[in-house]
Amino acid sequence: SWAGASGLMQIMPKTAKHLGLEMEDIFN
């Protein structure tokens, strides 16, 4: 999305960091 939400569940970068999901893995 334009806001940066990514992948199947549209996780935001800030949320990904909080969850321990690396940005290089966000589309896995």
mmCIF file of all heavy atoms, coordinates in Angstrom:
data_MODEL
# 
_entry.id   MODEL 
# 
loop_
_atom_site.group_PDB 
_atom_site.id 
_atom_site.type_symbol 
_atom_site.label_atom_id 
_atom_site.label_alt_id 
_atom_site.label_comp_id 
_atom_site.label_asym_id 
_atom_site.label_entity_id 
_atom_site.label_seq_id 
_atom_site.pdbx_PDB_ins_code 
_atom_site.Cartn_x 
_atom_site.Cartn_y 
_atom_site.Cartn_z 
_atom_site.occupancy 
_atom_site.B_iso_or_equiv 
_atom_site.pdbx_formal_charge 
_atom_site.auth_seq_id 
_atom_site.auth_comp_id 
_atom_site.auth_asym_id 
_atom_site.auth_atom_id 
_atom_site.pdbx_PDB_model_num 
ATOM 1   N N   . SER A 1 1  ? 0.841  -1.197  0.000  1.00 0.00 ? 1  SER A N   1 
ATOM 2   C CA  . SER A 1 1  ? 0.000  0.000   0.000  1.00 0.00 ? 1  SER A CA  1 
ATOM 3   C C   . SER A 1 1  ? 0.875  1.244   0.000  1.00 0.00 ? 1  SER A C   1 
ATOM 4   O O   . SER A 1 1  ? 2.067  1.189   0.300  1.00 0.00 ? 1  SER A O   1 
ATOM 5   C CB  . SER A 1 1  ? -0.919 0.017   1.222  1.00 0.00 ? 1  SER A CB  1 
ATOM 6   O OG  . SER A 1 1  ? -0.217 0.479   2.368  1.00 0.00 ? 1  SER A OG  1 
ATOM 7   N N   . TRP A 1 2  ? 0.261  2.391   -0.310 1.00 0.00 ? 2  TRP A N   1 
ATOM 8   C CA  . TRP A 1 2  ? 0.972  3.665   -0.326 1.00 0.00 ? 2  TRP A CA  1 
ATOM 9   C C   . TRP A 1 2  ? 1.549  3.997   1.050  1.00 0.00 ? 2  TRP A C   1 
ATOM 10  O O   . TRP A 1 2  ? 2.551  4.691   1.164  1.00 0.00 ? 2  TRP A O   1 
ATOM 11  C CB  . TRP A 1 2  ? 0.025  4.779   -0.764 1.00 0.00 ? 2  TRP A CB  1 
ATOM 12  C CG  . TRP A 1 2  ? -1.165 4.934   0.131  1.00 0.00 ? 2  TRP A CG  1 
ATOM 13  C CD1 . TRP A 1 2  ? -2.378 4.339   -0.008 1.00 0.00 ? 2  TRP A CD1 1 
ATOM 14  C CD2 . TRP A 1 2  ? -1.257 5.714   1.321  1.00 0.00 ? 2  TRP A CD2 1 
ATOM 15  N NE1 . TRP A 1 2  ? -3.218 4.689   1.019  1.00 0.00 ? 2  TRP A NE1 1 
ATOM 16  C CE2 . TRP A 1 2  ? -2.563 5.543   1.844  1.00 0.00 ? 2  TRP A CE2 1 
ATOM 17  C CE3 . TRP A 1 2  ? -0.366 6.548   1.989  1.00 0.00 ? 2  TRP A CE3 1 
ATOM 18  C CZ2 . TRP A 1 2  ? -2.990 6.165   3.006  1.00 0.00 ? 2  TRP A CZ2 1 
ATOM 19  C CZ3 . TRP A 1 2  ? -0.798 7.178   3.157  1.00 0.00 ? 2  TRP A CZ3 1 
ATOM 20  C CH2 . TRP A 1 2  ? -2.104 6.981   3.648  1.00 0.00 ? 2  TRP A CH2 1 
ATOM 21  N N   . ALA A 1 3  ? 0.897  3.482   2.108  1.00 0.00 ? 3  ALA A N   1 
ATOM 22  C CA  . ALA A 1 3  ? 1.354  3.798   3.469  1.00 0.00 ? 3  ALA A CA  1 
ATOM 23  C C   . ALA A 1 3  ? 2.511  2.910   3.903  1.00 0.00 ? 3  ALA A C   1 
ATOM 24  O O   . ALA A 1 3  ? 3.097  3.129   4.955  1.00 0.00 ? 3  ALA A O   1 
ATOM 25  C CB  . ALA A 1 3  ? 0.195  3.654   4.455  1.00 0.00 ? 3  ALA A CB  1 
ATOM 26  N N   . GLY A 1 4  ? 2.840  1.896   3.089  1.00 0.00 ? 4  GLY A N   1 
ATOM 27  C CA  . GLY A 1 4  ? 3.950  1.016   3.423  1.00 0.00 ? 4  GLY A CA  1 
ATOM 28  C C   . GLY A 1 4  ? 3.536  -0.348  3.920  1.00 0.00 ? 4  GLY A C   1 
ATOM 29  O O   . GLY A 1 4  ? 4.393  -1.206  4.174  1.00 0.00 ? 4  GLY A O   1 
ATOM 30  N N   . ALA A 1 5  ? 2.206  -0.586  4.083  1.00 0.00 ? 5  ALA A N   1 
ATOM 31  C CA  . ALA A 1 5  ? 1.730  -1.909  4.495  1.00 0.00 ? 5  ALA A CA  1 
ATOM 32  C C   . ALA A 1 5  ? 2.090  -2.921  3.414  1.00 0.00 ? 5  ALA A C   1 
ATOM 33  O O   . ALA A 1 5  ? 1.909  -2.663  2.231  1.00 0.00 ? 5  ALA A O   1 
ATOM 34  C CB  . ALA A 1 5  ? 0.225  -1.880  4.726  1.00 0.00 ? 5  ALA A CB  1 
ATOM 35  N N   . SER A 1 6  ? 2.591  -4.085  3.846  1.00 0.00 ? 6  SER A N   1 
ATOM 36  C CA  . SER A 1 6  ? 3.167  -5.017  2.873  1.00 0.00 ? 6  SER A CA  1 
ATOM 37  C C   . SER A 1 6  ? 2.768  -6.458  3.154  1.00 0.00 ? 6  SER A C   1 
ATOM 38  O O   . SER A 1 6  ? 2.520  -6.848  4.298  1.00 0.00 ? 6  SER A O   1 
ATOM 39  C CB  . SER A 1 6  ? 4.697  -4.918  2.887  1.00 0.00 ? 6  SER A CB  1 
ATOM 40  O OG  . SER A 1 6  ? 5.132  -3.599  2.622  1.00 0.00 ? 6  SER A OG  1 
ATOM 41  N N   . GLY A 1 7  ? 2.728  -7.232  2.062  1.00 0.00 ? 7  GLY A N   1 
ATOM 42  C CA  . GLY A 1 7  ? 2.541  -8.665  2.172  1.00 0.00 ? 7  GLY A CA  1 
ATOM 43  C C   . GLY A 1 7  ? 1.097  -9.098  2.268  1.00 0.00 ? 7  GLY A C   1 
ATOM 44  O O   . GLY A 1 7  ? 0.162  -8.298  2.138  1.00 0.00 ? 7  GLY A O   1 
ATOM 45  N N   . LEU A 1 8  ? 0.909  -10.391 2.498  1.00 0.00 ? 8  LEU A N   1 
ATOM 46  C CA  . LEU A 1 8  ? -0.427 -10.974 2.525  1.00 0.00 ? 8  LEU A CA  1 
ATOM 47  C C   . LEU A 1 8  ? -1.343 -10.308 3.543  1.00 0.00 ? 8  LEU A C   1 
ATOM 48  O O   . LEU A 1 8  ? -2.515 -10.064 3.274  1.00 0.00 ? 8  LEU A O   1 
ATOM 49  C CB  . LEU A 1 8  ? -0.326 -12.473 2.839  1.00 0.00 ? 8  LEU A CB  1 
ATOM 50  C CG  . LEU A 1 8  ? 0.120  -13.386 1.699  1.00 0.00 ? 8  LEU A CG  1 
ATOM 51  C CD1 . LEU A 1 8  ? 0.416  -14.781 2.224  1.00 0.00 ? 8  LEU A CD1 1 
ATOM 52  C CD2 . LEU A 1 8  ? -0.941 -13.448 0.600  1.00 0.00 ? 8  LEU A CD2 1 
ATOM 53  N N   . MET A 1 9  ? -0.817 -10.005 4.728  1.00 0.00 ? 9  MET A N   1 
ATOM 54  C CA  . MET A 1 9  ? -1.641 -9.434  5.796  1.00 0.00 ? 9  MET A CA  1 
ATOM 55  C C   . MET A 1 9  ? -1.421 -7.933  5.948  1.00 0.00 ? 9  MET A C   1 
ATOM 56  O O   . MET A 1 9  ? -1.840 -7.339  6.938  1.00 0.00 ? 9  MET A O   1 
ATOM 57  C CB  . MET A 1 9  ? -1.358 -10.151 7.113  1.00 0.00 ? 9  MET A CB  1 
ATOM 58  C CG  . MET A 1 9  ? -1.664 -11.647 7.091  1.00 0.00 ? 9  MET A CG  1 
ATOM 59  S SD  . MET A 1 9  ? -3.394 -12.044 6.755  1.00 0.00 ? 9  MET A SD  1 
ATOM 60  C CE  . MET A 1 9  ? -4.170 -11.520 8.280  1.00 0.00 ? 9  MET A CE  1 
ATOM 61  N N   . GLN A 1 10 ? -0.749 -7.306  4.971  1.00 0.00 ? 10 GLN A N   1 
ATOM 62  C CA  . GLN A 1 10 ? -0.566 -5.853  4.929  1.00 0.00 ? 10 GLN A CA  1 
ATOM 63  C C   . GLN A 1 10 ? -0.042 -5.307  6.265  1.00 0.00 ? 10 GLN A C   1 
ATOM 64  O O   . GLN A 1 10 ? -0.670 -4.452  6.914  1.00 0.00 ? 10 GLN A O   1 
ATOM 65  C CB  . GLN A 1 10 ? -1.860 -5.161  4.527  1.00 0.00 ? 10 GLN A CB  1 
ATOM 66  C CG  . GLN A 1 10 ? -2.236 -5.371  3.063  1.00 0.00 ? 10 GLN A CG  1 
ATOM 67  C CD  . GLN A 1 10 ? -1.250 -4.665  2.133  1.00 0.00 ? 10 GLN A CD  1 
ATOM 68  O OE1 . GLN A 1 10 ? -1.377 -3.477  1.883  1.00 0.00 ? 10 GLN A OE1 1 
ATOM 69  N NE2 . GLN A 1 10 ? -0.281 -5.399  1.616  1.00 0.00 ? 10 GLN A NE2 1 
ATOM 70  N N   . ILE A 1 11 ? 1.127  -5.771  6.636  1.00 0.00 ? 11 ILE A N   1 
ATOM 71  C CA  . ILE A 1 11 ? 1.754  -5.364  7.900  1.00 0.00 ? 11 ILE A CA  1 
ATOM 72  C C   . ILE A 1 11 ? 2.570  -4.095  7.678  1.00 0.00 ? 11 ILE A C   1 
ATOM 73  O O   . ILE A 1 11 ? 3.373  -4.018  6.748  1.00 0.00 ? 11 ILE A O   1 
ATOM 74  C CB  . ILE A 1 11 ? 2.634  -6.498  8.452  1.00 0.00 ? 11 ILE A CB  1 
ATOM 75  C CG1 . ILE A 1 11 ? 1.750  -7.710  8.776  1.00 0.00 ? 11 ILE A CG1 1 
ATOM 76  C CG2 . ILE A 1 11 ? 3.392  -6.047  9.689  1.00 0.00 ? 11 ILE A CG2 1 
ATOM 77  C CD1 . ILE A 1 11 ? 2.520  -8.925  9.243  1.00 0.00 ? 11 ILE A CD1 1 
ATOM 78  N N   . MET A 1 12 ? 2.355  -3.112  8.550  1.00 0.00 ? 12 MET A N   1 
ATOM 79  C CA  . MET A 1 12 ? 3.097  -1.860  8.468  1.00 0.00 ? 12 MET A CA  1 
ATOM 80  C C   . MET A 1 12 ? 4.530  -2.055  8.965  1.00 0.00 ? 12 MET A C   1 
ATOM 81  O O   . MET A 1 12 ? 4.781  -2.891  9.843  1.00 0.00 ? 12 MET A O   1 
ATOM 82  C CB  . MET A 1 12 ? 2.409  -0.785  9.311  1.00 0.00 ? 12 MET A CB  1 
ATOM 83  C CG  . MET A 1 12 ? 1.058  -0.353  8.774  1.00 0.00 ? 12 MET A CG  1 
ATOM 84  S SD  . MET A 1 12 ? 1.205  0.575   7.240  1.00 0.00 ? 12 MET A SD  1 
ATOM 85  C CE  . MET A 1 12 ? 1.935  2.105   7.852  1.00 0.00 ? 12 MET A CE  1 
ATOM 86  N N   . PRO A 1 13 ? 5.488  -1.286  8.418  1.00 0.00 ? 13 PRO A N   1 
ATOM 87  C CA  . PRO A 1 13 ? 6.887  -1.422  8.853  1.00 0.00 ? 13 PRO A CA  1 
ATOM 88  C C   . PRO A 1 13 ? 7.073  -1.284  10.363 1.00 0.00 ? 13 PRO A C   1 
ATOM 89  O O   . PRO A 1 13 ? 7.828  -2.040  10.975 1.00 0.00 ? 13 PRO A O   1 
ATOM 90  C CB  . PRO A 1 13 ? 7.592  -0.296  8.096  1.00 0.00 ? 13 PRO A CB  1 
ATOM 91  C CG  . PRO A 1 13 ? 6.765  -0.090  6.871  1.00 0.00 ? 13 PRO A CG  1 
ATOM 92  C CD  . PRO A 1 13 ? 5.349  -0.342  7.300  1.00 0.00 ? 13 PRO A CD  1 
ATOM 93  N N   . LYS A 1 14 ? 6.381  -0.329  10.967 1.00 0.00 ? 14 LYS A N   1 
ATOM 94  C CA  . LYS A 1 14 ? 6.504  -0.127  12.415 1.00 0.00 ? 14 LYS A CA  1 
ATOM 95  C C   . LYS A 1 14 ? 5.993  -1.340  13.179 1.00 0.00 ? 14 LYS A C   1 
ATOM 96  O O   . LYS A 1 14 ? 6.590  -1.766  14.174 1.00 0.00 ? 14 LYS A O   1 
ATOM 97  C CB  . LYS A 1 14 ? 5.736  1.131   12.823 1.00 0.00 ? 14 LYS A CB  1 
ATOM 98  C CG  . LYS A 1 14 ? 5.894  1.522   14.281 1.00 0.00 ? 14 LYS A CG  1 
ATOM 99  C CD  . LYS A 1 14 ? 5.155  2.810   14.580 1.00 0.00 ? 14 LYS A CD  1 
ATOM 100 C CE  . LYS A 1 14 ? 5.301  3.210   16.048 1.00 0.00 ? 14 LYS A CE  1 
ATOM 101 N NZ  . LYS A 1 14 ? 4.565  4.470   16.342 1.00 0.00 ? 14 LYS A NZ  1 
ATOM 102 N N   . THR A 1 15 ? 4.888  -1.910  12.709 1.00 0.00 ? 15 THR A N   1 
ATOM 103 C CA  . THR A 1 15 ? 4.331  -3.101  13.344 1.00 0.00 ? 15 THR A CA  1 
ATOM 104 C C   . THR A 1 15 ? 5.255  -4.293  13.148 1.00 0.00 ? 15 THR A C   1 
ATOM 105 O O   . THR A 1 15 ? 5.450  -5.103  14.059 1.00 0.00 ? 15 THR A O   1 
ATOM 106 C CB  . THR A 1 15 ? 2.934  -3.410  12.770 1.00 0.00 ? 15 THR A CB  1 
ATOM 107 O OG1 . THR A 1 15 ? 2.103  -2.251  12.887 1.00 0.00 ? 15 THR A OG1 1 
ATOM 108 C CG2 . THR A 1 15 ? 2.280  -4.564  13.506 1.00 0.00 ? 15 THR A CG2 1 
ATOM 109 N N   . ALA A 1 16 ? 5.818  -4.402  11.944 1.00 0.00 ? 16 ALA A N   1 
ATOM 110 C CA  . ALA A 1 16 ? 6.753  -5.494  11.662 1.00 0.00 ? 16 ALA A CA  1 
ATOM 111 C C   . ALA A 1 16 ? 7.945  -5.442  12.619 1.00 0.00 ? 16 ALA A C   1 
ATOM 112 O O   . ALA A 1 16 ? 8.371  -6.476  13.162 1.00 0.00 ? 16 ALA A O   1 
ATOM 113 C CB  . ALA A 1 16 ? 7.228  -5.409  10.212 1.00 0.00 ? 16 ALA A CB  1 
ATOM 114 N N   . LYS A 1 17 ? 8.471  -4.260  12.843 1.00 0.00 ? 17 LYS A N   1 
ATOM 115 C CA  . LYS A 1 17 ? 9.606  -4.101  13.765 1.00 0.00 ? 17 LYS A CA  1 
ATOM 116 C C   . LYS A 1 17 ? 9.211  -4.529  15.171 1.00 0.00 ? 17 LYS A C   1 
ATOM 117 O O   . LYS A 1 17 ? 9.964  -5.224  15.865 1.00 0.00 ? 17 LYS A O   1 
ATOM 118 C CB  . LYS A 1 17 ? 10.077 -2.647  13.753 1.00 0.00 ? 17 LYS A CB  1 
ATOM 119 C CG  . LYS A 1 17 ? 11.301 -2.390  14.618 1.00 0.00 ? 17 LYS A CG  1 
ATOM 120 C CD  . LYS A 1 17 ? 11.744 -0.940  14.524 1.00 0.00 ? 17 LYS A CD  1 
ATOM 121 C CE  . LYS A 1 17 ? 12.974 -0.690  15.394 1.00 0.00 ? 17 LYS A CE  1 
ATOM 122 N NZ  . LYS A 1 17 ? 13.418 0.732   15.318 1.00 0.00 ? 17 LYS A NZ  1 
ATOM 123 N N   . HIS A 1 18 ? 8.027  -4.110  15.589 1.00 0.00 ? 18 HIS A N   1 
ATOM 124 C CA  . HIS A 1 18 ? 7.525  -4.476  16.913 1.00 0.00 ? 18 HIS A CA  1 
ATOM 125 C C   . HIS A 1 18 ? 7.387  -5.989  17.056 1.00 0.00 ? 18 HIS A C   1 
ATOM 126 O O   . HIS A 1 18 ? 7.665  -6.557  18.122 1.00 0.00 ? 18 HIS A O   1 
ATOM 127 C CB  . HIS A 1 18 ? 6.173  -3.792  17.148 1.00 0.00 ? 18 HIS A CB  1 
ATOM 128 C CG  . HIS A 1 18 ? 5.371  -4.380  18.261 1.00 0.00 ? 18 HIS A CG  1 
ATOM 129 N ND1 . HIS A 1 18 ? 5.708  -4.220  19.588 1.00 0.00 ? 18 HIS A ND1 1 
ATOM 130 C CD2 . HIS A 1 18 ? 4.233  -5.146  18.242 1.00 0.00 ? 18 HIS A CD2 1 
ATOM 131 C CE1 . HIS A 1 18 ? 4.829  -4.859  20.349 1.00 0.00 ? 18 HIS A CE1 1 
ATOM 132 N NE2 . HIS A 1 18 ? 3.930  -5.428  19.562 1.00 0.00 ? 18 HIS A NE2 1 
ATOM 133 N N   . LEU A 1 19 ? 6.986  -6.657  15.975 1.00 0.00 ? 19 LEU A N   1 
ATOM 134 C CA  . LEU A 1 19 ? 6.755  -8.101  16.000 1.00 0.00 ? 19 LEU A CA  1 
ATOM 135 C C   . LEU A 1 19 ? 8.019  -8.912  15.744 1.00 0.00 ? 19 LEU A C   1 
ATOM 136 O O   . LEU A 1 19 ? 7.988  -10.142 15.809 1.00 0.00 ? 19 LEU A O   1 
ATOM 137 C CB  . LEU A 1 19 ? 5.690  -8.478  14.968 1.00 0.00 ? 19 LEU A CB  1 
ATOM 138 C CG  . LEU A 1 19 ? 4.291  -7.878  15.198 1.00 0.00 ? 19 LEU A CG  1 
ATOM 139 C CD1 . LEU A 1 19 ? 3.410  -8.109  13.984 1.00 0.00 ? 19 LEU A CD1 1 
ATOM 140 C CD2 . LEU A 1 19 ? 3.651  -8.471  16.452 1.00 0.00 ? 19 LEU A CD2 1 
ATOM 141 N N   . GLY A 1 20 ? 9.117  -8.226  15.426 1.00 0.00 ? 20 GLY A N   1 
ATOM 142 C CA  . GLY A 1 20 ? 10.362 -8.930  15.141 1.00 0.00 ? 20 GLY A CA  1 
ATOM 143 C C   . GLY A 1 20 ? 10.449 -9.479  13.740 1.00 0.00 ? 20 GLY A C   1 
ATOM 144 O O   . GLY A 1 20 ? 11.255 -10.377 13.467 1.00 0.00 ? 20 GLY A O   1 
ATOM 145 N N   . LEU A 1 21 ? 9.621  -8.952  12.837 1.00 0.00 ? 21 LEU A N   1 
ATOM 146 C CA  . LEU A 1 21 ? 9.652  -9.380  11.441 1.00 0.00 ? 21 LEU A CA  1 
ATOM 147 C C   . LEU A 1 21 ? 10.563 -8.446  10.660 1.00 0.00 ? 21 LEU A C   1 
ATOM 148 O O   . LEU A 1 21 ? 10.299 -7.246  10.549 1.00 0.00 ? 21 LEU A O   1 
ATOM 149 C CB  . LEU A 1 21 ? 8.234  -9.351  10.849 1.00 0.00 ? 21 LEU A CB  1 
ATOM 150 C CG  . LEU A 1 21 ? 8.092  -9.721  9.370  1.00 0.00 ? 21 LEU A CG  1 
ATOM 151 C CD1 . LEU A 1 21 ? 8.532  -11.145 9.114  1.00 0.00 ? 21 LEU A CD1 1 
ATOM 152 C CD2 . LEU A 1 21 ? 6.654  -9.499  8.899  1.00 0.00 ? 21 LEU A CD2 1 
ATOM 153 N N   . GLU A 1 22 ? 11.655 -8.986  10.131 1.00 0.00 ? 22 GLU A N   1 
ATOM 154 C CA  . GLU A 1 22 ? 12.598 -8.182  9.372  1.00 0.00 ? 22 GLU A CA  1 
ATOM 155 C C   . GLU A 1 22 ? 11.975 -7.740  8.060  1.00 0.00 ? 22 GLU A C   1 
ATOM 156 O O   . GLU A 1 22 ? 11.181 -8.465  7.452  1.00 0.00 ? 22 GLU A O   1 
ATOM 157 C CB  . GLU A 1 22 ? 13.876 -8.979  9.088  1.00 0.00 ? 22 GLU A CB  1 
ATOM 158 C CG  . GLU A 1 22 ? 14.613 -9.444  10.331 1.00 0.00 ? 22 GLU A CG  1 
ATOM 159 C CD  . GLU A 1 22 ? 15.203 -8.285  11.126 1.00 0.00 ? 22 GLU A CD  1 
ATOM 160 O OE1 . GLU A 1 22 ? 15.424 -7.207  10.523 1.00 0.00 ? 22 GLU A OE1 1 
ATOM 161 O OE2 . GLU A 1 22 ? 15.435 -8.450  12.341 1.00 0.00 ? 22 GLU A OE2 1 
ATOM 162 N N   . MET A 1 23 ? 12.343 -6.534  7.597  1.00 0.00 ? 23 MET A N   1 
ATOM 163 C CA  . MET A 1 23 ? 11.763 -5.999  6.375  1.00 0.00 ? 23 MET A CA  1 
ATOM 164 C C   . MET A 1 23 ? 12.078 -6.866  5.156  1.00 0.00 ? 23 MET A C   1 
ATOM 165 O O   . MET A 1 23 ? 11.275 -6.961  4.233  1.00 0.00 ? 23 MET A O   1 
ATOM 166 C CB  . MET A 1 23 ? 12.237 -4.562  6.138  1.00 0.00 ? 23 MET A CB  1 
ATOM 167 C CG  . MET A 1 23 ? 11.641 -3.553  7.094  1.00 0.00 ? 23 MET A CG  1 
ATOM 168 S SD  . MET A 1 23 ? 9.822  -3.591  7.148  1.00 0.00 ? 23 MET A SD  1 
ATOM 169 C CE  . MET A 1 23 ? 9.409  -3.100  5.477  1.00 0.00 ? 23 MET A CE  1 
ATOM 170 N N   . GLU A 1 24 ? 13.233 -7.533  5.156  1.00 0.00 ? 24 GLU A N   1 
ATOM 171 C CA  . GLU A 1 24 ? 13.561 -8.387  4.015  1.00 0.00 ? 24 GLU A CA  1 
ATOM 172 C C   . GLU A 1 24 ? 12.695 -9.650  3.989  1.00 0.00 ? 24 GLU A C   1 
ATOM 173 O O   . GLU A 1 24 ? 12.652 -10.361 2.986  1.00 0.00 ? 24 GLU A O   1 
ATOM 174 C CB  . GLU A 1 24 ? 15.043 -8.769  4.016  1.00 0.00 ? 24 GLU A CB  1 
ATOM 175 C CG  . GLU A 1 24 ? 15.498 -9.515  5.255  1.00 0.00 ? 24 GLU A CG  1 
ATOM 176 C CD  . GLU A 1 24 ? 16.175 -8.600  6.258  1.00 0.00 ? 24 GLU A CD  1 
ATOM 177 O OE1 . GLU A 1 24 ? 15.826 -7.406  6.296  1.00 0.00 ? 24 GLU A OE1 1 
ATOM 178 O OE2 . GLU A 1 24 ? 17.063 -9.090  6.982  1.00 0.00 ? 24 GLU A OE2 1 
ATOM 179 N N   . ASP A 1 25 ? 11.995 -9.924  5.119  1.00 0.00 ? 25 ASP A N   1 
ATOM 180 C CA  . ASP A 1 25 ? 11.136 -11.106 5.197  1.00 0.00 ? 25 ASP A CA  1 
ATOM 181 C C   . ASP A 1 25 ? 9.653  -10.768 5.114  1.00 0.00 ? 25 ASP A C   1 
ATOM 182 O O   . ASP A 1 25 ? 8.814  -11.674 5.199  1.00 0.00 ? 25 ASP A O   1 
ATOM 183 C CB  . ASP A 1 25 ? 11.396 -11.863 6.506  1.00 0.00 ? 25 ASP A CB  1 
ATOM 184 C CG  . ASP A 1 25 ? 12.804 -12.423 6.584  1.00 0.00 ? 25 ASP A CG  1 
ATOM 185 O OD1 . ASP A 1 25 ? 13.333 -12.832 5.531  1.00 0.00 ? 25 ASP A OD1 1 
ATOM 186 O OD2 . ASP A 1 25 ? 13.377 -12.438 7.692  1.00 0.00 ? 25 ASP A OD2 1 
ATOM 187 N N   . ILE A 1 26 ? 9.326  -9.496  4.969  1.00 0.00 ? 26 ILE A N   1 
ATOM 188 C CA  . ILE A 1 26 ? 7.925  -9.094  5.102  1.00 0.00 ? 26 ILE A CA  1 
ATOM 189 C C   . ILE A 1 26 ? 7.045  -9.635  3.974  1.00 0.00 ? 26 ILE A C   1 
ATOM 190 O O   . ILE A 1 26 ? 5.835  -9.786  4.128  1.00 0.00 ? 26 ILE A O   1 
ATOM 191 C CB  . ILE A 1 26 ? 7.813  -7.555  5.203  1.00 0.00 ? 26 ILE A CB  1 
ATOM 192 C CG1 . ILE A 1 26 ? 6.479  -7.165  5.861  1.00 0.00 ? 26 ILE A CG1 1 
ATOM 193 C CG2 . ILE A 1 26 ? 7.970  -6.889  3.823  1.00 0.00 ? 26 ILE A CG2 1 
ATOM 194 C CD1 . ILE A 1 26 ? 6.404  -5.734  6.322  1.00 0.00 ? 26 ILE A CD1 1 
ATOM 195 N N   . PHE A 1 27 ? 7.644  -9.968  2.825  1.00 0.00 ? 27 PHE A N   1 
ATOM 196 C CA  . PHE A 1 27 ? 6.869  -10.527 1.719  1.00 0.00 ? 27 PHE A CA  1 
ATOM 197 C C   . PHE A 1 27 ? 6.890  -12.059 1.716  1.00 0.00 ? 27 PHE A C   1 
ATOM 198 O O   . PHE A 1 27 ? 6.326  -12.675 0.824  1.00 0.00 ? 27 PHE A O   1 
ATOM 199 C CB  . PHE A 1 27 ? 7.387  -9.989  0.381  1.00 0.00 ? 27 PHE A CB  1 
ATOM 200 C CG  . PHE A 1 27 ? 7.141  -8.514  0.197  1.00 0.00 ? 27 PHE A CG  1 
ATOM 201 C CD1 . PHE A 1 27 ? 8.179  -7.605  0.318  1.00 0.00 ? 27 PHE A CD1 1 
ATOM 202 C CD2 . PHE A 1 27 ? 5.868  -8.033  -0.068 1.00 0.00 ? 27 PHE A CD2 1 
ATOM 203 C CE1 . PHE A 1 27 ? 7.956  -6.241  0.163  1.00 0.00 ? 27 PHE A CE1 1 
ATOM 204 C CE2 . PHE A 1 27 ? 5.634  -6.673  -0.225 1.00 0.00 ? 27 PHE A CE2 1 
ATOM 205 C CZ  . PHE A 1 27 ? 6.678  -5.775  -0.110 1.00 0.00 ? 27 PHE A CZ  1 
ATOM 206 N N   . ASN A 1 28 ? 7.535  -12.646 2.708  1.00 0.00 ? 28 ASN A N   1 
ATOM 207 C CA  . ASN A 1 28 ? 7.515  -14.098 2.848  1.00 0.00 ? 28 ASN A CA  1 
ATOM 208 C C   . ASN A 1 28 ? 6.137  -14.509 3.365  1.00 0.00 ? 28 ASN A C   1 
ATOM 209 O O   . ASN A 1 28 ? 5.733  -14.101 4.461  1.00 0.00 ? 28 ASN A O   1 
ATOM 210 C CB  . ASN A 1 28 ? 8.600  -14.540 3.830  1.00 0.00 ? 28 ASN A CB  1 
ATOM 211 C CG  . ASN A 1 28 ? 8.625  -16.034 4.051  1.00 0.00 ? 28 ASN A CG  1 
ATOM 212 O OD1 . ASN A 1 28 ? 7.683  -16.603 4.594  1.00 0.00 ? 28 ASN A OD1 1 
ATOM 213 N ND2 . ASN A 1 28 ? 9.710  -16.667 3.650  1.00 0.00 ? 28 ASN A ND2 1 
# 
